[in-house]
Amino acid sequence: MTHYLLPMSPSSPSPRPNVLWTVAGIAALGCGILGIVLPILPTTPLVLLAAYCFSKGSPRLQVWLLGHPRFGPMISDWRKNGAIHPRAKRMAALAMLAAFGLSLAMGLPIWVLTVQALCLGGAATFVLTRPDAG
C-alpha cells in the first residue's frame, strides 16, 4: 500500500507539539470547515492538509481529527489508497468551476483567467482521476 503524504500513525520527535505545524493545521482545518458552506473553499484537500500538519505538530490533534466522524473517514480513504469519495470529487469540481465563473463575472484580466484556468484545470484533473472511496 502506498502512503499518500500522510503518516499512518502519529509521530513526533518530542512530546512537545510543534507550534508552527499545529497553527498551520488549525488554519487549514478552519478553512476546510468554512468550505462546507462556502463553495470557493475545497474542504477535502484542506482537511487532508490539516491532518498532515497535525502529524508534524500535534499528535493529540491528529488523533482527534482521525477519530472525527465526518473528517476521519476521508483521511483514512486517502491514506489507504489515495481515494476520494465521489461526492467530494463533485463538490470540489463544482467549487473550482464556481471560482472560475466568479472570476469571469468580475472581469479579471485574461492573463489572470488563463493562469487560474490552468491551475484549476490541473487540480480538477488530479481530484477527478483519484480512485473512488466508499
N, C-alpha and C. Protein backbone atom coordinates (compact mmCIF):
# COMPACT_ATOMS: atom_id res chain seq x y z
N MET A 1 0.83 -1.18 0.00
CA MET A 1 0.00 0.00 0.00
C MET A 1 0.88 1.24 0.00
N THR A 2 0.39 2.27 -0.62
CA THR A 2 1.15 3.49 -0.76
C THR A 2 0.70 4.51 0.27
N HIS A 3 1.67 5.20 0.84
CA HIS A 3 1.35 6.32 1.73
C HIS A 3 1.20 7.56 0.86
N TYR A 4 0.13 8.27 1.00
CA TYR A 4 -0.11 9.49 0.23
C TYR A 4 0.10 10.70 1.12
N LEU A 5 1.36 11.02 1.39
CA LEU A 5 1.79 12.20 2.11
C LEU A 5 1.50 12.20 3.60
N LEU A 6 0.68 11.31 4.10
CA LEU A 6 0.31 11.35 5.50
C LEU A 6 0.82 10.10 6.21
N PRO A 7 1.55 10.27 7.32
CA PRO A 7 1.99 9.10 8.05
C PRO A 7 0.81 8.32 8.60
N MET A 8 0.97 7.02 8.76
CA MET A 8 -0.12 6.17 9.23
C MET A 8 -0.39 6.33 10.72
N SER A 9 0.61 6.72 11.49
CA SER A 9 0.39 6.89 12.92
C SER A 9 1.03 8.19 13.37
N PRO A 10 0.49 8.75 14.44
CA PRO A 10 1.07 10.00 14.93
C PRO A 10 2.53 9.77 15.33
N SER A 11 3.39 10.67 14.92
CA SER A 11 4.78 10.57 15.34
C SER A 11 5.31 11.97 15.58
N SER A 12 6.11 12.08 16.59
CA SER A 12 6.70 13.36 16.91
C SER A 12 8.04 13.09 17.57
N PRO A 13 9.07 13.83 17.19
CA PRO A 13 10.37 13.59 17.79
C PRO A 13 10.38 13.90 19.29
N SER A 14 9.46 14.70 19.75
CA SER A 14 9.37 15.00 21.17
C SER A 14 7.90 15.10 21.55
N PRO A 15 7.59 14.95 22.83
CA PRO A 15 6.18 15.03 23.25
C PRO A 15 5.62 16.43 23.14
N ARG A 16 6.48 17.45 23.00
CA ARG A 16 6.01 18.83 22.90
C ARG A 16 5.54 19.12 21.48
N PRO A 17 4.33 19.67 21.32
CA PRO A 17 3.83 19.96 19.97
C PRO A 17 4.67 21.04 19.29
N ASN A 18 4.79 20.93 17.98
CA ASN A 18 5.46 21.95 17.18
C ASN A 18 4.41 23.00 16.84
N VAL A 19 4.59 24.19 17.37
CA VAL A 19 3.57 25.24 17.30
C VAL A 19 3.26 25.65 15.85
N LEU A 20 4.28 25.80 15.02
CA LEU A 20 4.02 26.25 13.64
C LEU A 20 3.19 25.24 12.87
N TRP A 21 3.54 23.95 12.97
CA TRP A 21 2.74 22.92 12.28
C TRP A 21 1.33 22.87 12.84
N THR A 22 1.20 23.03 14.15
CA THR A 22 -0.12 22.99 14.77
C THR A 22 -0.98 24.17 14.32
N VAL A 23 -0.40 25.35 14.29
CA VAL A 23 -1.14 26.55 13.84
C VAL A 23 -1.54 26.39 12.37
N ALA A 24 -0.61 25.88 11.55
CA ALA A 24 -0.95 25.65 10.13
C ALA A 24 -2.09 24.64 10.01
N GLY A 25 -2.07 23.59 10.83
CA GLY A 25 -3.14 22.60 10.82
C GLY A 25 -4.48 23.19 11.23
N ILE A 26 -4.47 24.00 12.26
CA ILE A 26 -5.70 24.65 12.72
C ILE A 26 -6.24 25.58 11.64
N ALA A 27 -5.35 26.33 10.99
CA ALA A 27 -5.78 27.24 9.91
C ALA A 27 -6.37 26.45 8.74
N ALA A 28 -5.70 25.36 8.36
CA ALA A 28 -6.20 24.54 7.25
C ALA A 28 -7.56 23.93 7.61
N LEU A 29 -7.67 23.42 8.83
CA LEU A 29 -8.95 22.82 9.24
C LEU A 29 -10.05 23.87 9.30
N GLY A 30 -9.73 25.06 9.81
CA GLY A 30 -10.72 26.14 9.85
C GLY A 30 -11.22 26.51 8.46
N CYS A 31 -10.29 26.62 7.52
CA CYS A 31 -10.69 26.92 6.13
C CYS A 31 -11.50 25.76 5.54
N GLY A 32 -11.10 24.53 5.87
CA GLY A 32 -11.84 23.37 5.39
C GLY A 32 -13.26 23.35 5.92
N ILE A 33 -13.43 23.71 7.17
CA ILE A 33 -14.77 23.76 7.76
C ILE A 33 -15.60 24.85 7.08
N LEU A 34 -14.97 25.99 6.82
CA LEU A 34 -15.68 27.04 6.08
C LEU A 34 -16.08 26.55 4.68
N GLY A 35 -15.24 25.69 4.11
CA GLY A 35 -15.52 25.14 2.79
C GLY A 35 -16.77 24.29 2.73
N ILE A 36 -17.26 23.85 3.88
CA ILE A 36 -18.51 23.08 3.90
C ILE A 36 -19.67 23.95 3.42
N VAL A 37 -19.62 25.24 3.77
CA VAL A 37 -20.71 26.14 3.40
C VAL A 37 -20.34 27.14 2.31
N LEU A 38 -19.05 27.36 2.08
CA LEU A 38 -18.60 28.29 1.04
C LEU A 38 -18.05 27.50 -0.14
N PRO A 39 -18.65 27.62 -1.29
CA PRO A 39 -18.23 26.79 -2.42
C PRO A 39 -16.85 27.10 -2.97
N ILE A 40 -16.23 28.20 -2.54
CA ILE A 40 -14.92 28.56 -3.07
C ILE A 40 -13.81 27.80 -2.36
N LEU A 41 -14.04 27.35 -1.14
CA LEU A 41 -13.00 26.64 -0.39
C LEU A 41 -13.21 25.13 -0.50
N PRO A 42 -12.18 24.39 -0.92
CA PRO A 42 -12.31 22.93 -1.06
C PRO A 42 -12.08 22.23 0.28
N THR A 43 -13.09 21.62 0.84
CA THR A 43 -13.00 21.00 2.16
C THR A 43 -12.00 19.85 2.21
N THR A 44 -12.12 18.90 1.31
CA THR A 44 -11.30 17.68 1.39
C THR A 44 -9.80 17.96 1.39
N PRO A 45 -9.27 18.72 0.41
CA PRO A 45 -7.82 18.95 0.44
C PRO A 45 -7.36 19.70 1.69
N LEU A 46 -8.18 20.60 2.19
CA LEU A 46 -7.80 21.36 3.38
C LEU A 46 -7.80 20.48 4.63
N VAL A 47 -8.73 19.55 4.71
CA VAL A 47 -8.74 18.62 5.84
C VAL A 47 -7.54 17.67 5.75
N LEU A 48 -7.20 17.22 4.55
CA LEU A 48 -6.02 16.38 4.38
C LEU A 48 -4.75 17.15 4.77
N LEU A 49 -4.69 18.42 4.39
CA LEU A 49 -3.56 19.26 4.77
C LEU A 49 -3.49 19.42 6.28
N ALA A 50 -4.64 19.61 6.91
CA ALA A 50 -4.68 19.73 8.38
C ALA A 50 -4.16 18.46 9.03
N ALA A 51 -4.56 17.31 8.52
CA ALA A 51 -4.09 16.04 9.08
C ALA A 51 -2.58 15.92 8.95
N TYR A 52 -2.05 16.32 7.80
CA TYR A 52 -0.61 16.28 7.60
C TYR A 52 0.09 17.21 8.59
N CYS A 53 -0.41 18.43 8.71
CA CYS A 53 0.20 19.39 9.64
C CYS A 53 0.13 18.89 11.08
N PHE A 54 -1.00 18.33 11.47
CA PHE A 54 -1.13 17.80 12.82
C PHE A 54 -0.19 16.62 13.04
N SER A 55 0.07 15.82 12.00
CA SER A 55 1.00 14.70 12.15
C SER A 55 2.41 15.20 12.46
N LYS A 56 2.72 16.41 12.03
CA LYS A 56 4.02 17.01 12.30
C LYS A 56 4.02 17.84 13.58
N GLY A 57 2.86 18.36 13.95
CA GLY A 57 2.85 19.33 15.04
C GLY A 57 2.14 18.91 16.31
N SER A 58 1.07 18.14 16.20
CA SER A 58 0.30 17.81 17.39
C SER A 58 -0.34 16.43 17.25
N PRO A 59 0.34 15.42 17.76
CA PRO A 59 -0.24 14.07 17.70
C PRO A 59 -1.64 14.00 18.33
N ARG A 60 -1.86 14.78 19.38
CA ARG A 60 -3.18 14.77 20.03
C ARG A 60 -4.27 15.26 19.08
N LEU A 61 -4.01 16.36 18.35
CA LEU A 61 -4.99 16.86 17.39
C LEU A 61 -5.13 15.93 16.19
N GLN A 62 -4.03 15.27 15.81
CA GLN A 62 -4.13 14.30 14.71
C GLN A 62 -5.04 13.14 15.09
N VAL A 63 -4.89 12.62 16.30
CA VAL A 63 -5.75 11.52 16.76
C VAL A 63 -7.20 11.98 16.81
N TRP A 64 -7.43 13.21 17.29
CA TRP A 64 -8.80 13.74 17.34
C TRP A 64 -9.39 13.83 15.93
N LEU A 65 -8.60 14.36 14.98
CA LEU A 65 -9.09 14.52 13.61
C LEU A 65 -9.36 13.16 12.96
N LEU A 66 -8.48 12.20 13.19
CA LEU A 66 -8.68 10.86 12.62
C LEU A 66 -9.93 10.18 13.18
N GLY A 67 -10.28 10.51 14.41
CA GLY A 67 -11.47 9.93 15.03
C GLY A 67 -12.75 10.70 14.76
N HIS A 68 -12.64 11.84 14.09
CA HIS A 68 -13.82 12.67 13.82
C HIS A 68 -14.75 11.94 12.87
N PRO A 69 -16.07 11.92 13.17
CA PRO A 69 -17.00 11.15 12.33
C PRO A 69 -17.12 11.66 10.90
N ARG A 70 -16.92 12.94 10.67
CA ARG A 70 -17.05 13.48 9.31
C ARG A 70 -15.72 13.49 8.56
N PHE A 71 -14.66 13.89 9.25
CA PHE A 71 -13.37 14.06 8.58
C PHE A 71 -12.49 12.81 8.62
N GLY A 72 -12.61 12.02 9.66
CA GLY A 72 -11.78 10.83 9.81
C GLY A 72 -11.85 9.87 8.62
N PRO A 73 -13.06 9.53 8.15
CA PRO A 73 -13.15 8.60 7.02
C PRO A 73 -12.47 9.11 5.74
N MET A 74 -12.56 10.40 5.45
CA MET A 74 -11.92 10.90 4.22
C MET A 74 -10.40 10.81 4.34
N ILE A 75 -9.88 11.02 5.54
CA ILE A 75 -8.44 10.90 5.75
C ILE A 75 -8.01 9.44 5.60
N SER A 76 -8.78 8.54 6.19
CA SER A 76 -8.48 7.10 6.07
C SER A 76 -8.51 6.64 4.62
N ASP A 77 -9.53 7.06 3.88
CA ASP A 77 -9.63 6.69 2.46
C ASP A 77 -8.40 7.17 1.69
N TRP A 78 -7.98 8.39 1.98
CA TRP A 78 -6.82 8.95 1.29
C TRP A 78 -5.55 8.19 1.66
N ARG A 79 -5.39 7.90 2.94
CA ARG A 79 -4.19 7.20 3.39
C ARG A 79 -4.10 5.78 2.85
N LYS A 80 -5.22 5.12 2.74
CA LYS A 80 -5.20 3.71 2.30
C LYS A 80 -4.81 3.59 0.83
N ASN A 81 -5.42 4.40 -0.04
CA ASN A 81 -5.10 4.25 -1.47
C ASN A 81 -5.31 5.52 -2.30
N GLY A 82 -5.22 6.66 -1.65
CA GLY A 82 -5.35 7.92 -2.40
C GLY A 82 -6.74 8.13 -2.96
N ALA A 83 -7.74 7.57 -2.30
CA ALA A 83 -9.11 7.63 -2.80
C ALA A 83 -9.87 8.82 -2.22
N ILE A 84 -10.78 9.34 -3.04
CA ILE A 84 -11.66 10.44 -2.64
C ILE A 84 -13.09 10.02 -2.95
N HIS A 85 -13.98 10.27 -2.02
CA HIS A 85 -15.39 9.92 -2.20
C HIS A 85 -15.95 10.66 -3.42
N PRO A 86 -16.77 10.01 -4.23
CA PRO A 86 -17.33 10.65 -5.43
C PRO A 86 -18.06 11.97 -5.14
N ARG A 87 -18.77 12.04 -4.03
CA ARG A 87 -19.47 13.29 -3.70
C ARG A 87 -18.46 14.42 -3.46
N ALA A 88 -17.36 14.10 -2.78
CA ALA A 88 -16.33 15.11 -2.53
C ALA A 88 -15.68 15.54 -3.84
N LYS A 89 -15.52 14.61 -4.77
CA LYS A 89 -14.97 14.96 -6.09
C LYS A 89 -15.89 15.94 -6.81
N ARG A 90 -17.19 15.62 -6.80
CA ARG A 90 -18.16 16.50 -7.48
C ARG A 90 -18.17 17.89 -6.84
N MET A 91 -18.17 17.92 -5.52
CA MET A 91 -18.20 19.21 -4.81
C MET A 91 -16.94 20.02 -5.11
N ALA A 92 -15.80 19.35 -5.15
CA ALA A 92 -14.54 20.06 -5.45
C ALA A 92 -14.57 20.62 -6.87
N ALA A 93 -15.03 19.82 -7.82
CA ALA A 93 -15.09 20.28 -9.21
C ALA A 93 -16.07 21.45 -9.35
N LEU A 94 -17.21 21.36 -8.67
CA LEU A 94 -18.18 22.45 -8.72
C LEU A 94 -17.62 23.72 -8.07
N ALA A 95 -16.88 23.57 -6.97
CA ALA A 95 -16.28 24.73 -6.31
C ALA A 95 -15.26 25.40 -7.23
N MET A 96 -14.47 24.59 -7.93
CA MET A 96 -13.49 25.15 -8.86
C MET A 96 -14.18 25.87 -10.00
N LEU A 97 -15.23 25.28 -10.50
CA LEU A 97 -15.99 25.90 -11.59
C LEU A 97 -16.63 27.21 -11.11
N ALA A 98 -17.18 27.20 -9.90
CA ALA A 98 -17.79 28.41 -9.35
C ALA A 98 -16.75 29.51 -9.16
N ALA A 99 -15.56 29.15 -8.69
CA ALA A 99 -14.50 30.14 -8.51
C ALA A 99 -14.10 30.75 -9.85
N PHE A 100 -13.99 29.91 -10.87
CA PHE A 100 -13.63 30.43 -12.19
C PHE A 100 -14.76 31.29 -12.75
N GLY A 101 -15.99 30.85 -12.56
CA GLY A 101 -17.15 31.64 -13.01
C GLY A 101 -17.19 33.00 -12.34
N LEU A 102 -16.87 33.05 -11.05
CA LEU A 102 -16.83 34.32 -10.33
C LEU A 102 -15.75 35.23 -10.91
N SER A 103 -14.60 34.64 -11.24
CA SER A 103 -13.52 35.43 -11.85
C SER A 103 -13.94 35.99 -13.20
N LEU A 104 -14.65 35.18 -13.97
CA LEU A 104 -15.17 35.66 -15.26
C LEU A 104 -16.15 36.81 -15.05
N ALA A 105 -17.06 36.62 -14.09
CA ALA A 105 -18.07 37.65 -13.82
C ALA A 105 -17.43 38.95 -13.33
N MET A 106 -16.30 38.83 -12.63
CA MET A 106 -15.62 40.03 -12.13
C MET A 106 -14.82 40.72 -13.23
N GLY A 107 -14.70 40.07 -14.37
CA GLY A 107 -13.99 40.68 -15.49
C GLY A 107 -12.48 40.77 -15.27
N LEU A 108 -11.91 39.77 -14.64
CA LEU A 108 -10.46 39.78 -14.41
C LEU A 108 -9.70 39.73 -15.73
N PRO A 109 -8.49 40.23 -15.72
CA PRO A 109 -7.68 40.23 -16.96
C PRO A 109 -7.47 38.82 -17.51
N ILE A 110 -7.30 38.74 -18.81
CA ILE A 110 -7.17 37.45 -19.48
C ILE A 110 -6.00 36.64 -18.94
N TRP A 111 -4.89 37.30 -18.61
CA TRP A 111 -3.75 36.55 -18.10
C TRP A 111 -4.06 35.91 -16.76
N VAL A 112 -4.85 36.57 -15.92
CA VAL A 112 -5.25 36.01 -14.63
C VAL A 112 -6.17 34.81 -14.87
N LEU A 113 -7.13 34.97 -15.79
CA LEU A 113 -8.05 33.88 -16.10
C LEU A 113 -7.30 32.69 -16.68
N THR A 114 -6.28 32.94 -17.49
CA THR A 114 -5.50 31.85 -18.08
C THR A 114 -4.75 31.08 -17.00
N VAL A 115 -4.08 31.80 -16.11
CA VAL A 115 -3.35 31.14 -15.01
C VAL A 115 -4.32 30.37 -14.13
N GLN A 116 -5.44 31.00 -13.82
CA GLN A 116 -6.43 30.35 -12.97
C GLN A 116 -7.00 29.10 -13.66
N ALA A 117 -7.29 29.19 -14.94
CA ALA A 117 -7.83 28.04 -15.67
C ALA A 117 -6.82 26.89 -15.68
N LEU A 118 -5.55 27.20 -15.88
CA LEU A 118 -4.53 26.15 -15.88
C LEU A 118 -4.41 25.50 -14.50
N CYS A 119 -4.37 26.31 -13.45
CA CYS A 119 -4.25 25.77 -12.09
C CYS A 119 -5.49 24.97 -11.69
N LEU A 120 -6.66 25.54 -11.93
CA LEU A 120 -7.89 24.84 -11.57
C LEU A 120 -8.09 23.60 -12.43
N GLY A 121 -7.73 23.69 -13.69
CA GLY A 121 -7.84 22.52 -14.57
C GLY A 121 -6.94 21.39 -14.11
N GLY A 122 -5.72 21.73 -13.70
CA GLY A 122 -4.81 20.71 -13.18
C GLY A 122 -5.32 20.11 -11.89
N ALA A 123 -5.80 20.96 -10.99
CA ALA A 123 -6.34 20.47 -9.72
C ALA A 123 -7.57 19.60 -9.94
N ALA A 124 -8.45 20.01 -10.83
CA ALA A 124 -9.66 19.23 -11.12
C ALA A 124 -9.29 17.88 -11.74
N THR A 125 -8.32 17.89 -12.64
CA THR A 125 -7.88 16.64 -13.26
C THR A 125 -7.33 15.69 -12.19
N PHE A 126 -6.52 16.21 -11.29
CA PHE A 126 -5.97 15.39 -10.23
C PHE A 126 -7.09 14.79 -9.37
N VAL A 127 -7.97 15.65 -8.88
CA VAL A 127 -9.05 15.19 -7.99
C VAL A 127 -9.95 14.17 -8.69
N LEU A 128 -10.36 14.47 -9.92
CA LEU A 128 -11.32 13.61 -10.62
C LEU A 128 -10.72 12.27 -11.06
N THR A 129 -9.40 12.19 -11.15
CA THR A 129 -8.79 10.93 -11.56
C THR A 129 -8.34 10.05 -10.38
N ARG A 130 -8.56 10.49 -9.16
CA ARG A 130 -8.24 9.66 -8.00
C ARG A 130 -9.27 8.54 -7.92
N PRO A 131 -8.88 7.41 -7.33
CA PRO A 131 -9.84 6.31 -7.16
C PRO A 131 -11.03 6.76 -6.29
N ASP A 132 -12.17 6.12 -6.50
CA ASP A 132 -13.36 6.42 -5.70
C ASP A 132 -13.26 5.71 -4.35
N ALA A 133 -13.58 6.45 -3.29
CA ALA A 133 -13.65 5.87 -1.96
C ALA A 133 -15.10 5.49 -1.67
N GLY A 134 -15.25 4.64 -0.71
CA GLY A 134 -16.61 4.31 -0.28
C GLY A 134 -17.17 3.25 -1.11
